[in-house]
N, C-alpha and C. Protein backbone atom coordinates (compact mmCIF):
# COMPACT_ATOMS: atom_id res chain seq x y z
N UNK A 1 0.95 -11.13 -2.93
CA UNK A 1 1.92 -11.44 -1.91
C UNK A 1 1.16 -12.06 -0.74
N UNK A 2 1.54 -13.25 -0.35
CA UNK A 2 0.77 -13.91 0.70
C UNK A 2 1.63 -14.41 1.85
N UNK A 3 2.93 -14.30 1.78
CA UNK A 3 3.76 -14.81 2.87
C UNK A 3 4.12 -13.71 3.85
N UNK A 4 4.32 -14.13 5.10
CA UNK A 4 4.68 -13.19 6.15
C UNK A 4 6.14 -12.80 6.04
N UNK A 5 6.42 -11.56 6.40
CA UNK A 5 7.79 -11.04 6.43
C UNK A 5 8.07 -10.54 7.84
N UNK A 6 9.30 -10.71 8.26
CA UNK A 6 9.67 -10.35 9.62
C UNK A 6 10.32 -8.97 9.67
N UNK A 7 10.37 -8.46 10.88
CA UNK A 7 11.03 -7.18 11.10
C UNK A 7 11.23 -6.95 12.58
N UNK A 8 11.86 -5.81 12.88
CA UNK A 8 12.13 -5.49 14.28
C UNK A 8 12.49 -4.02 14.41
N UNK A 9 12.52 -3.58 15.65
CA UNK A 9 12.95 -2.22 15.94
C UNK A 9 14.48 -2.17 15.99
N UNK A 10 15.02 -1.01 16.19
CA UNK A 10 16.47 -0.81 16.21
C UNK A 10 17.17 -1.63 17.29
N UNK A 11 16.59 -1.71 18.47
CA UNK A 11 17.24 -2.46 19.56
C UNK A 11 16.91 -3.95 19.52
N UNK A 12 15.96 -4.34 18.69
CA UNK A 12 15.56 -5.74 18.59
C UNK A 12 14.57 -6.17 19.68
N UNK A 13 14.15 -5.25 20.51
CA UNK A 13 13.22 -5.58 21.58
C UNK A 13 11.83 -5.93 21.08
N UNK A 14 11.36 -5.25 20.04
CA UNK A 14 10.06 -5.54 19.45
C UNK A 14 10.31 -6.21 18.11
N UNK A 15 9.83 -7.43 17.96
CA UNK A 15 9.92 -8.14 16.68
C UNK A 15 8.50 -8.39 16.20
N UNK A 16 8.36 -8.58 14.89
CA UNK A 16 7.03 -8.78 14.34
C UNK A 16 7.10 -9.58 13.05
N UNK A 17 5.95 -10.08 12.65
CA UNK A 17 5.77 -10.64 11.32
C UNK A 17 4.46 -10.07 10.79
N UNK A 18 4.41 -9.86 9.49
CA UNK A 18 3.22 -9.30 8.86
C UNK A 18 3.16 -9.75 7.41
N UNK A 19 1.95 -9.83 6.89
CA UNK A 19 1.75 -10.17 5.49
C UNK A 19 1.44 -8.88 4.74
N UNK A 20 2.39 -8.38 3.93
CA UNK A 20 2.14 -7.16 3.15
C UNK A 20 0.99 -7.36 2.16
N UNK A 21 0.16 -6.34 2.01
CA UNK A 21 -0.96 -6.42 1.08
C UNK A 21 -0.49 -6.51 -0.36
N UNK A 22 0.70 -5.98 -0.63
CA UNK A 22 1.27 -6.03 -1.98
C UNK A 22 2.77 -5.78 -1.89
N UNK A 23 3.42 -5.77 -3.04
CA UNK A 23 4.85 -5.46 -3.11
C UNK A 23 5.08 -3.95 -3.20
N UNK A 24 4.05 -3.16 -3.03
CA UNK A 24 4.14 -1.71 -3.20
C UNK A 24 4.15 -0.98 -1.87
N UNK A 25 4.98 0.07 -1.80
CA UNK A 25 5.01 0.93 -0.64
C UNK A 25 4.55 2.32 -1.05
N UNK A 26 4.06 3.04 -0.08
CA UNK A 26 3.59 4.41 -0.28
C UNK A 26 4.41 5.36 0.57
N UNK A 27 4.45 6.60 0.15
CA UNK A 27 5.06 7.67 0.94
C UNK A 27 3.95 8.60 1.39
N UNK A 28 3.96 8.95 2.67
CA UNK A 28 2.98 9.90 3.18
C UNK A 28 3.67 11.22 3.50
N UNK A 29 3.10 12.29 2.96
CA UNK A 29 3.66 13.62 3.17
C UNK A 29 2.86 14.44 4.17
N UNK A 30 1.87 13.84 4.86
CA UNK A 30 1.06 14.64 5.78
C UNK A 30 1.97 15.17 6.90
N UNK A 31 1.55 16.28 7.46
CA UNK A 31 2.36 16.94 8.50
C UNK A 31 2.60 16.03 9.70
N UNK A 32 1.61 15.24 10.10
CA UNK A 32 1.78 14.36 11.26
C UNK A 32 2.80 13.27 10.98
N UNK A 33 2.73 12.66 9.80
CA UNK A 33 3.70 11.60 9.47
C UNK A 33 5.11 12.17 9.34
N UNK A 34 5.23 13.36 8.74
CA UNK A 34 6.56 13.97 8.61
C UNK A 34 7.14 14.30 9.99
N UNK A 35 6.31 14.81 10.87
CA UNK A 35 6.78 15.15 12.22
C UNK A 35 7.18 13.88 12.97
N UNK A 36 6.36 12.83 12.86
CA UNK A 36 6.60 11.58 13.59
C UNK A 36 7.82 10.85 13.08
N UNK A 37 8.02 10.84 11.76
CA UNK A 37 9.12 10.06 11.19
C UNK A 37 10.40 10.87 11.03
N UNK A 38 10.31 12.17 11.16
CA UNK A 38 11.49 13.01 10.94
C UNK A 38 11.76 13.21 9.46
N UNK A 39 10.80 12.93 8.63
CA UNK A 39 10.92 13.06 7.17
C UNK A 39 9.70 12.47 6.52
N UNK A 40 9.86 11.94 5.35
CA UNK A 40 8.76 11.29 4.65
C UNK A 40 8.56 9.91 5.27
N UNK A 41 7.31 9.51 5.44
CA UNK A 41 7.03 8.20 6.00
C UNK A 41 6.75 7.21 4.86
N UNK A 42 7.56 6.17 4.78
CA UNK A 42 7.38 5.10 3.79
C UNK A 42 6.78 3.90 4.50
N UNK A 43 5.67 3.37 3.98
CA UNK A 43 4.99 2.28 4.66
C UNK A 43 4.21 1.42 3.68
N UNK A 44 3.78 0.26 4.18
CA UNK A 44 2.98 -0.67 3.39
C UNK A 44 1.85 -1.22 4.27
N UNK A 45 0.61 -1.21 3.76
CA UNK A 45 -0.49 -1.85 4.49
C UNK A 45 -0.24 -3.35 4.61
N UNK A 46 -0.58 -3.90 5.76
CA UNK A 46 -0.34 -5.32 6.01
C UNK A 46 -1.55 -5.96 6.69
N UNK A 47 -1.56 -7.28 6.62
CA UNK A 47 -2.53 -8.07 7.37
C UNK A 47 -1.75 -9.02 8.26
N UNK A 48 -2.45 -9.68 9.12
CA UNK A 48 -1.84 -10.69 9.99
C UNK A 48 -0.59 -10.18 10.71
N UNK A 49 -0.67 -8.97 11.23
CA UNK A 49 0.43 -8.39 11.99
C UNK A 49 0.50 -9.07 13.36
N UNK A 50 1.62 -9.71 13.62
CA UNK A 50 1.84 -10.39 14.90
C UNK A 50 3.08 -9.79 15.54
N UNK A 51 2.93 -9.27 16.75
CA UNK A 51 4.00 -8.57 17.44
C UNK A 51 4.43 -9.36 18.67
N UNK A 52 5.74 -9.59 18.78
CA UNK A 52 6.31 -10.20 19.99
C UNK A 52 6.71 -9.08 20.94
N UNK A 53 6.70 -9.35 22.20
CA UNK A 53 7.08 -8.37 23.22
C UNK A 53 6.23 -7.11 23.16
N UNK A 54 4.91 -7.30 23.07
CA UNK A 54 3.99 -6.16 22.99
C UNK A 54 4.11 -5.22 24.18
N UNK A 55 4.65 -5.71 25.31
CA UNK A 55 4.81 -4.85 26.47
C UNK A 55 5.81 -3.72 26.22
N UNK A 56 6.68 -3.88 25.20
CA UNK A 56 7.62 -2.82 24.83
C UNK A 56 7.05 -1.85 23.80
N UNK A 57 5.85 -2.14 23.33
CA UNK A 57 5.24 -1.32 22.29
C UNK A 57 4.49 -0.16 22.92
N UNK A 58 4.85 1.05 22.51
CA UNK A 58 4.14 2.24 22.96
C UNK A 58 3.17 2.67 21.88
N UNK A 59 2.10 3.37 22.27
CA UNK A 59 1.11 3.84 21.32
C UNK A 59 0.78 5.29 21.61
N UNK A 60 0.64 6.06 20.53
CA UNK A 60 0.24 7.45 20.63
C UNK A 60 -0.95 7.65 19.72
N UNK A 61 -2.10 8.00 20.28
CA UNK A 61 -3.29 8.25 19.47
C UNK A 61 -3.17 9.63 18.86
N UNK A 62 -2.90 9.68 17.55
CA UNK A 62 -2.62 10.95 16.87
C UNK A 62 -3.84 11.55 16.20
N UNK A 63 -4.96 10.85 16.21
CA UNK A 63 -6.20 11.39 15.63
C UNK A 63 -7.38 10.66 16.25
N UNK A 64 -8.58 11.04 15.85
CA UNK A 64 -9.77 10.38 16.36
C UNK A 64 -9.90 8.95 15.84
N UNK A 65 -9.13 8.60 14.81
CA UNK A 65 -9.28 7.29 14.19
C UNK A 65 -8.00 6.45 14.15
N UNK A 66 -6.84 7.04 14.43
CA UNK A 66 -5.61 6.28 14.28
C UNK A 66 -4.60 6.48 15.39
N UNK A 67 -3.67 5.52 15.45
CA UNK A 67 -2.59 5.61 16.44
C UNK A 67 -1.28 5.18 15.81
N UNK A 68 -0.19 5.66 16.40
CA UNK A 68 1.16 5.39 15.95
C UNK A 68 1.86 4.58 17.03
N UNK A 69 2.51 3.50 16.61
CA UNK A 69 3.12 2.58 17.57
C UNK A 69 4.63 2.57 17.40
N UNK A 70 5.34 2.43 18.50
CA UNK A 70 6.79 2.56 18.52
C UNK A 70 7.38 1.71 19.64
N UNK A 71 8.67 1.43 19.56
CA UNK A 71 9.37 0.72 20.62
C UNK A 71 9.65 1.71 21.75
N UNK A 72 9.25 1.35 22.94
CA UNK A 72 9.48 2.22 24.10
C UNK A 72 10.94 2.23 24.54
N UNK A 73 11.73 1.23 24.12
CA UNK A 73 13.16 1.19 24.45
C UNK A 73 13.97 2.13 23.57
N UNK A 74 13.90 1.92 22.26
CA UNK A 74 14.78 2.66 21.35
C UNK A 74 14.07 3.75 20.56
N UNK A 75 12.75 3.80 20.61
CA UNK A 75 12.00 4.85 19.93
C UNK A 75 11.69 4.60 18.47
N UNK A 76 12.04 3.43 17.94
CA UNK A 76 11.78 3.15 16.52
C UNK A 76 10.29 3.22 16.22
N UNK A 77 9.93 3.99 15.19
CA UNK A 77 8.56 4.05 14.70
C UNK A 77 8.29 2.78 13.91
N UNK A 78 7.25 2.05 14.28
CA UNK A 78 7.01 0.74 13.69
C UNK A 78 5.72 0.63 12.90
N UNK A 79 4.60 1.08 13.46
CA UNK A 79 3.30 0.84 12.85
C UNK A 79 2.40 2.06 12.97
N UNK A 80 1.47 2.16 12.03
CA UNK A 80 0.32 3.06 12.14
C UNK A 80 -0.89 2.17 11.95
N UNK A 81 -1.92 2.40 12.75
CA UNK A 81 -3.13 1.60 12.57
C UNK A 81 -4.38 2.38 12.95
N UNK A 82 -5.49 1.96 12.33
CA UNK A 82 -6.80 2.48 12.71
C UNK A 82 -7.08 1.97 14.12
N UNK A 83 -7.80 2.73 14.90
CA UNK A 83 -8.10 2.32 16.26
C UNK A 83 -8.87 1.00 16.29
N UNK A 84 -9.70 0.76 15.27
CA UNK A 84 -10.44 -0.50 15.20
C UNK A 84 -9.63 -1.62 14.55
N UNK A 85 -8.38 -1.31 14.20
CA UNK A 85 -7.43 -2.26 13.59
C UNK A 85 -7.88 -2.76 12.22
N UNK A 86 -8.78 -2.03 11.57
CA UNK A 86 -9.21 -2.42 10.23
C UNK A 86 -8.12 -2.17 9.20
N UNK A 87 -7.21 -1.27 9.50
CA UNK A 87 -6.05 -1.01 8.64
C UNK A 87 -4.82 -0.97 9.54
N UNK A 88 -3.79 -1.74 9.16
CA UNK A 88 -2.52 -1.73 9.87
C UNK A 88 -1.42 -1.53 8.85
N UNK A 89 -0.55 -0.58 9.12
CA UNK A 89 0.51 -0.19 8.20
C UNK A 89 1.85 -0.35 8.90
N UNK A 90 2.81 -0.95 8.19
CA UNK A 90 4.14 -1.17 8.75
C UNK A 90 5.13 -0.23 8.08
N UNK A 91 5.99 0.41 8.87
CA UNK A 91 7.02 1.27 8.33
C UNK A 91 8.01 0.40 7.55
N UNK A 92 8.33 0.80 6.35
CA UNK A 92 9.16 0.00 5.45
C UNK A 92 10.50 -0.38 6.07
N UNK A 93 11.17 0.57 6.69
CA UNK A 93 12.51 0.29 7.21
C UNK A 93 12.51 -0.62 8.43
N UNK A 94 11.34 -0.91 9.00
CA UNK A 94 11.27 -1.86 10.12
C UNK A 94 11.34 -3.30 9.62
N UNK A 95 11.02 -3.53 8.35
CA UNK A 95 11.13 -4.88 7.79
C UNK A 95 12.59 -5.28 7.65
N UNK A 96 12.86 -6.58 7.77
CA UNK A 96 14.22 -7.08 7.57
C UNK A 96 14.66 -6.97 6.11
N UNK A 97 13.70 -6.91 5.18
CA UNK A 97 13.99 -6.86 3.74
C UNK A 97 13.26 -5.70 3.06
N UNK A 98 13.54 -4.45 3.45
CA UNK A 98 12.78 -3.31 2.92
C UNK A 98 12.94 -3.07 1.43
N UNK A 99 14.04 -3.52 0.85
CA UNK A 99 14.29 -3.26 -0.58
C UNK A 99 13.38 -4.06 -1.50
N UNK A 100 12.62 -4.97 -0.97
CA UNK A 100 11.75 -5.80 -1.80
C UNK A 100 10.51 -5.04 -2.28
N UNK A 101 10.22 -3.88 -1.69
CA UNK A 101 9.02 -3.12 -2.02
C UNK A 101 9.28 -2.08 -3.10
N UNK A 102 8.28 -1.88 -3.96
CA UNK A 102 8.35 -0.89 -5.04
C UNK A 102 7.67 0.40 -4.58
N UNK A 103 8.30 1.52 -4.86
CA UNK A 103 7.76 2.82 -4.50
C UNK A 103 6.73 3.21 -5.56
N UNK A 104 5.44 3.24 -5.20
CA UNK A 104 4.42 3.43 -6.22
C UNK A 104 3.50 4.61 -6.01
N UNK A 105 3.35 5.10 -4.77
CA UNK A 105 2.37 6.16 -4.54
C UNK A 105 2.83 7.14 -3.47
N UNK A 106 2.35 8.37 -3.62
CA UNK A 106 2.57 9.42 -2.63
C UNK A 106 1.21 9.97 -2.24
N UNK A 107 0.95 10.01 -0.93
CA UNK A 107 -0.33 10.52 -0.45
C UNK A 107 -0.11 11.79 0.35
N UNK A 108 -1.18 12.58 0.44
CA UNK A 108 -1.13 13.91 1.04
C UNK A 108 -0.10 14.77 0.30
N UNK A 109 -0.09 14.64 -1.01
CA UNK A 109 0.86 15.38 -1.84
C UNK A 109 0.66 16.90 -1.67
N UNK A 110 -0.54 17.29 -1.30
CA UNK A 110 -0.83 18.71 -1.08
C UNK A 110 -0.18 19.25 0.19
N UNK A 111 0.33 18.38 1.05
CA UNK A 111 1.03 18.82 2.26
C UNK A 111 2.55 18.69 2.14
N UNK A 112 3.03 18.20 0.98
CA UNK A 112 4.46 18.01 0.79
C UNK A 112 5.17 19.37 0.75
N UNK A 113 6.23 19.53 1.54
CA UNK A 113 7.00 20.78 1.46
C UNK A 113 7.67 20.91 0.10
N UNK A 114 7.97 22.12 -0.28
CA UNK A 114 8.56 22.38 -1.60
C UNK A 114 10.05 22.07 -1.65
N UNK A 115 10.68 21.75 -0.51
CA UNK A 115 12.14 21.60 -0.50
C UNK A 115 12.63 20.19 -0.85
N UNK A 116 11.77 19.29 -1.30
CA UNK A 116 12.20 18.00 -1.81
C UNK A 116 11.19 17.46 -2.82
N UNK A 117 11.65 16.54 -3.67
CA UNK A 117 10.79 15.87 -4.65
C UNK A 117 11.45 14.55 -5.02
N UNK A 118 10.63 13.57 -5.37
CA UNK A 118 11.14 12.27 -5.81
C UNK A 118 11.09 12.20 -7.33
N UNK A 119 12.06 11.51 -7.91
CA UNK A 119 12.08 11.36 -9.36
C UNK A 119 11.24 10.17 -9.82
N UNK A 120 10.88 9.28 -8.91
CA UNK A 120 10.06 8.12 -9.26
C UNK A 120 8.73 8.57 -9.85
N UNK A 121 8.24 7.81 -10.81
CA UNK A 121 6.93 8.06 -11.40
C UNK A 121 5.90 7.39 -10.51
N UNK A 122 5.26 8.15 -9.63
CA UNK A 122 4.33 7.59 -8.66
C UNK A 122 2.92 8.15 -8.86
N UNK A 123 1.95 7.42 -8.37
CA UNK A 123 0.59 7.94 -8.28
C UNK A 123 0.59 8.96 -7.15
N UNK A 124 -0.02 10.10 -7.38
CA UNK A 124 -0.05 11.15 -6.36
C UNK A 124 -1.49 11.47 -5.99
N UNK A 125 -1.76 11.49 -4.68
CA UNK A 125 -3.10 11.78 -4.19
C UNK A 125 -3.05 12.87 -3.13
N UNK A 126 -4.01 13.78 -3.18
CA UNK A 126 -4.14 14.77 -2.13
C UNK A 126 -4.70 14.09 -0.88
N UNK A 127 -4.65 14.79 0.22
CA UNK A 127 -5.23 14.25 1.44
C UNK A 127 -6.72 13.99 1.29
N UNK A 128 -7.42 14.90 0.64
CA UNK A 128 -8.86 14.74 0.42
C UNK A 128 -9.14 13.50 -0.45
N UNK A 129 -8.37 13.31 -1.51
CA UNK A 129 -8.55 12.13 -2.36
C UNK A 129 -8.26 10.84 -1.60
N UNK A 130 -7.21 10.85 -0.80
CA UNK A 130 -6.83 9.67 -0.03
C UNK A 130 -7.91 9.31 0.98
N UNK A 131 -8.38 10.29 1.74
CA UNK A 131 -9.41 10.04 2.74
C UNK A 131 -10.71 9.59 2.09
N UNK A 132 -11.05 10.16 0.92
CA UNK A 132 -12.26 9.75 0.20
C UNK A 132 -12.16 8.31 -0.26
N UNK A 133 -10.97 7.88 -0.66
CA UNK A 133 -10.77 6.50 -1.10
C UNK A 133 -11.07 5.54 0.06
N UNK A 134 -10.58 5.86 1.26
CA UNK A 134 -10.83 5.00 2.41
C UNK A 134 -12.28 5.08 2.86
N UNK A 135 -12.89 6.24 2.76
CA UNK A 135 -14.31 6.37 3.13
C UNK A 135 -15.17 5.53 2.19
N UNK A 136 -14.83 5.53 0.90
CA UNK A 136 -15.60 4.75 -0.09
C UNK A 136 -15.42 3.26 0.17
N UNK A 137 -14.19 2.82 0.48
CA UNK A 137 -13.96 1.39 0.71
C UNK A 137 -14.60 0.95 2.02
N UNK A 138 -14.67 1.85 3.01
CA UNK A 138 -15.27 1.52 4.30
C UNK A 138 -16.79 1.36 4.17
N UNK A 139 -17.41 2.18 3.32
CA UNK A 139 -18.87 2.13 3.20
C UNK A 139 -19.33 0.97 2.30
N UNK A 140 -18.41 0.42 1.52
CA UNK A 140 -18.80 -0.66 0.62
C UNK A 140 -18.70 -2.02 1.27
N UNK A 141 -18.10 -2.11 2.43
CA UNK A 141 -17.94 -3.42 3.02
C UNK A 141 -18.14 -3.38 4.44
């Protein structure tokens, strides 16, 4: 996938374009993502993220390495990114065409509450496995 896709927040104050890394989306079950999104967080890693009206974008540093970005007007959760911007992730429902993505993976499966489950056949990774994958990719390049 190499073309940019557009999106916006609920009020339309923050608009963006981004190039999704693939047609696949992931679900994150970590406690921070569940608390921030009000449920499971569905997102896709992207490149070339370009945001209009950045003055409306709020940021909350939720860890030593990452921050969560949202519209300060309407509160829409839009992006998660590494502080060094080496990884930028867009919330699926912020895209204008969210149905184009395939649900393929669940991360932090070890933090998923027992009161829900998906029927999709997805790759499942614990938080430790997920963090190790990023640590390995970071040290190789």
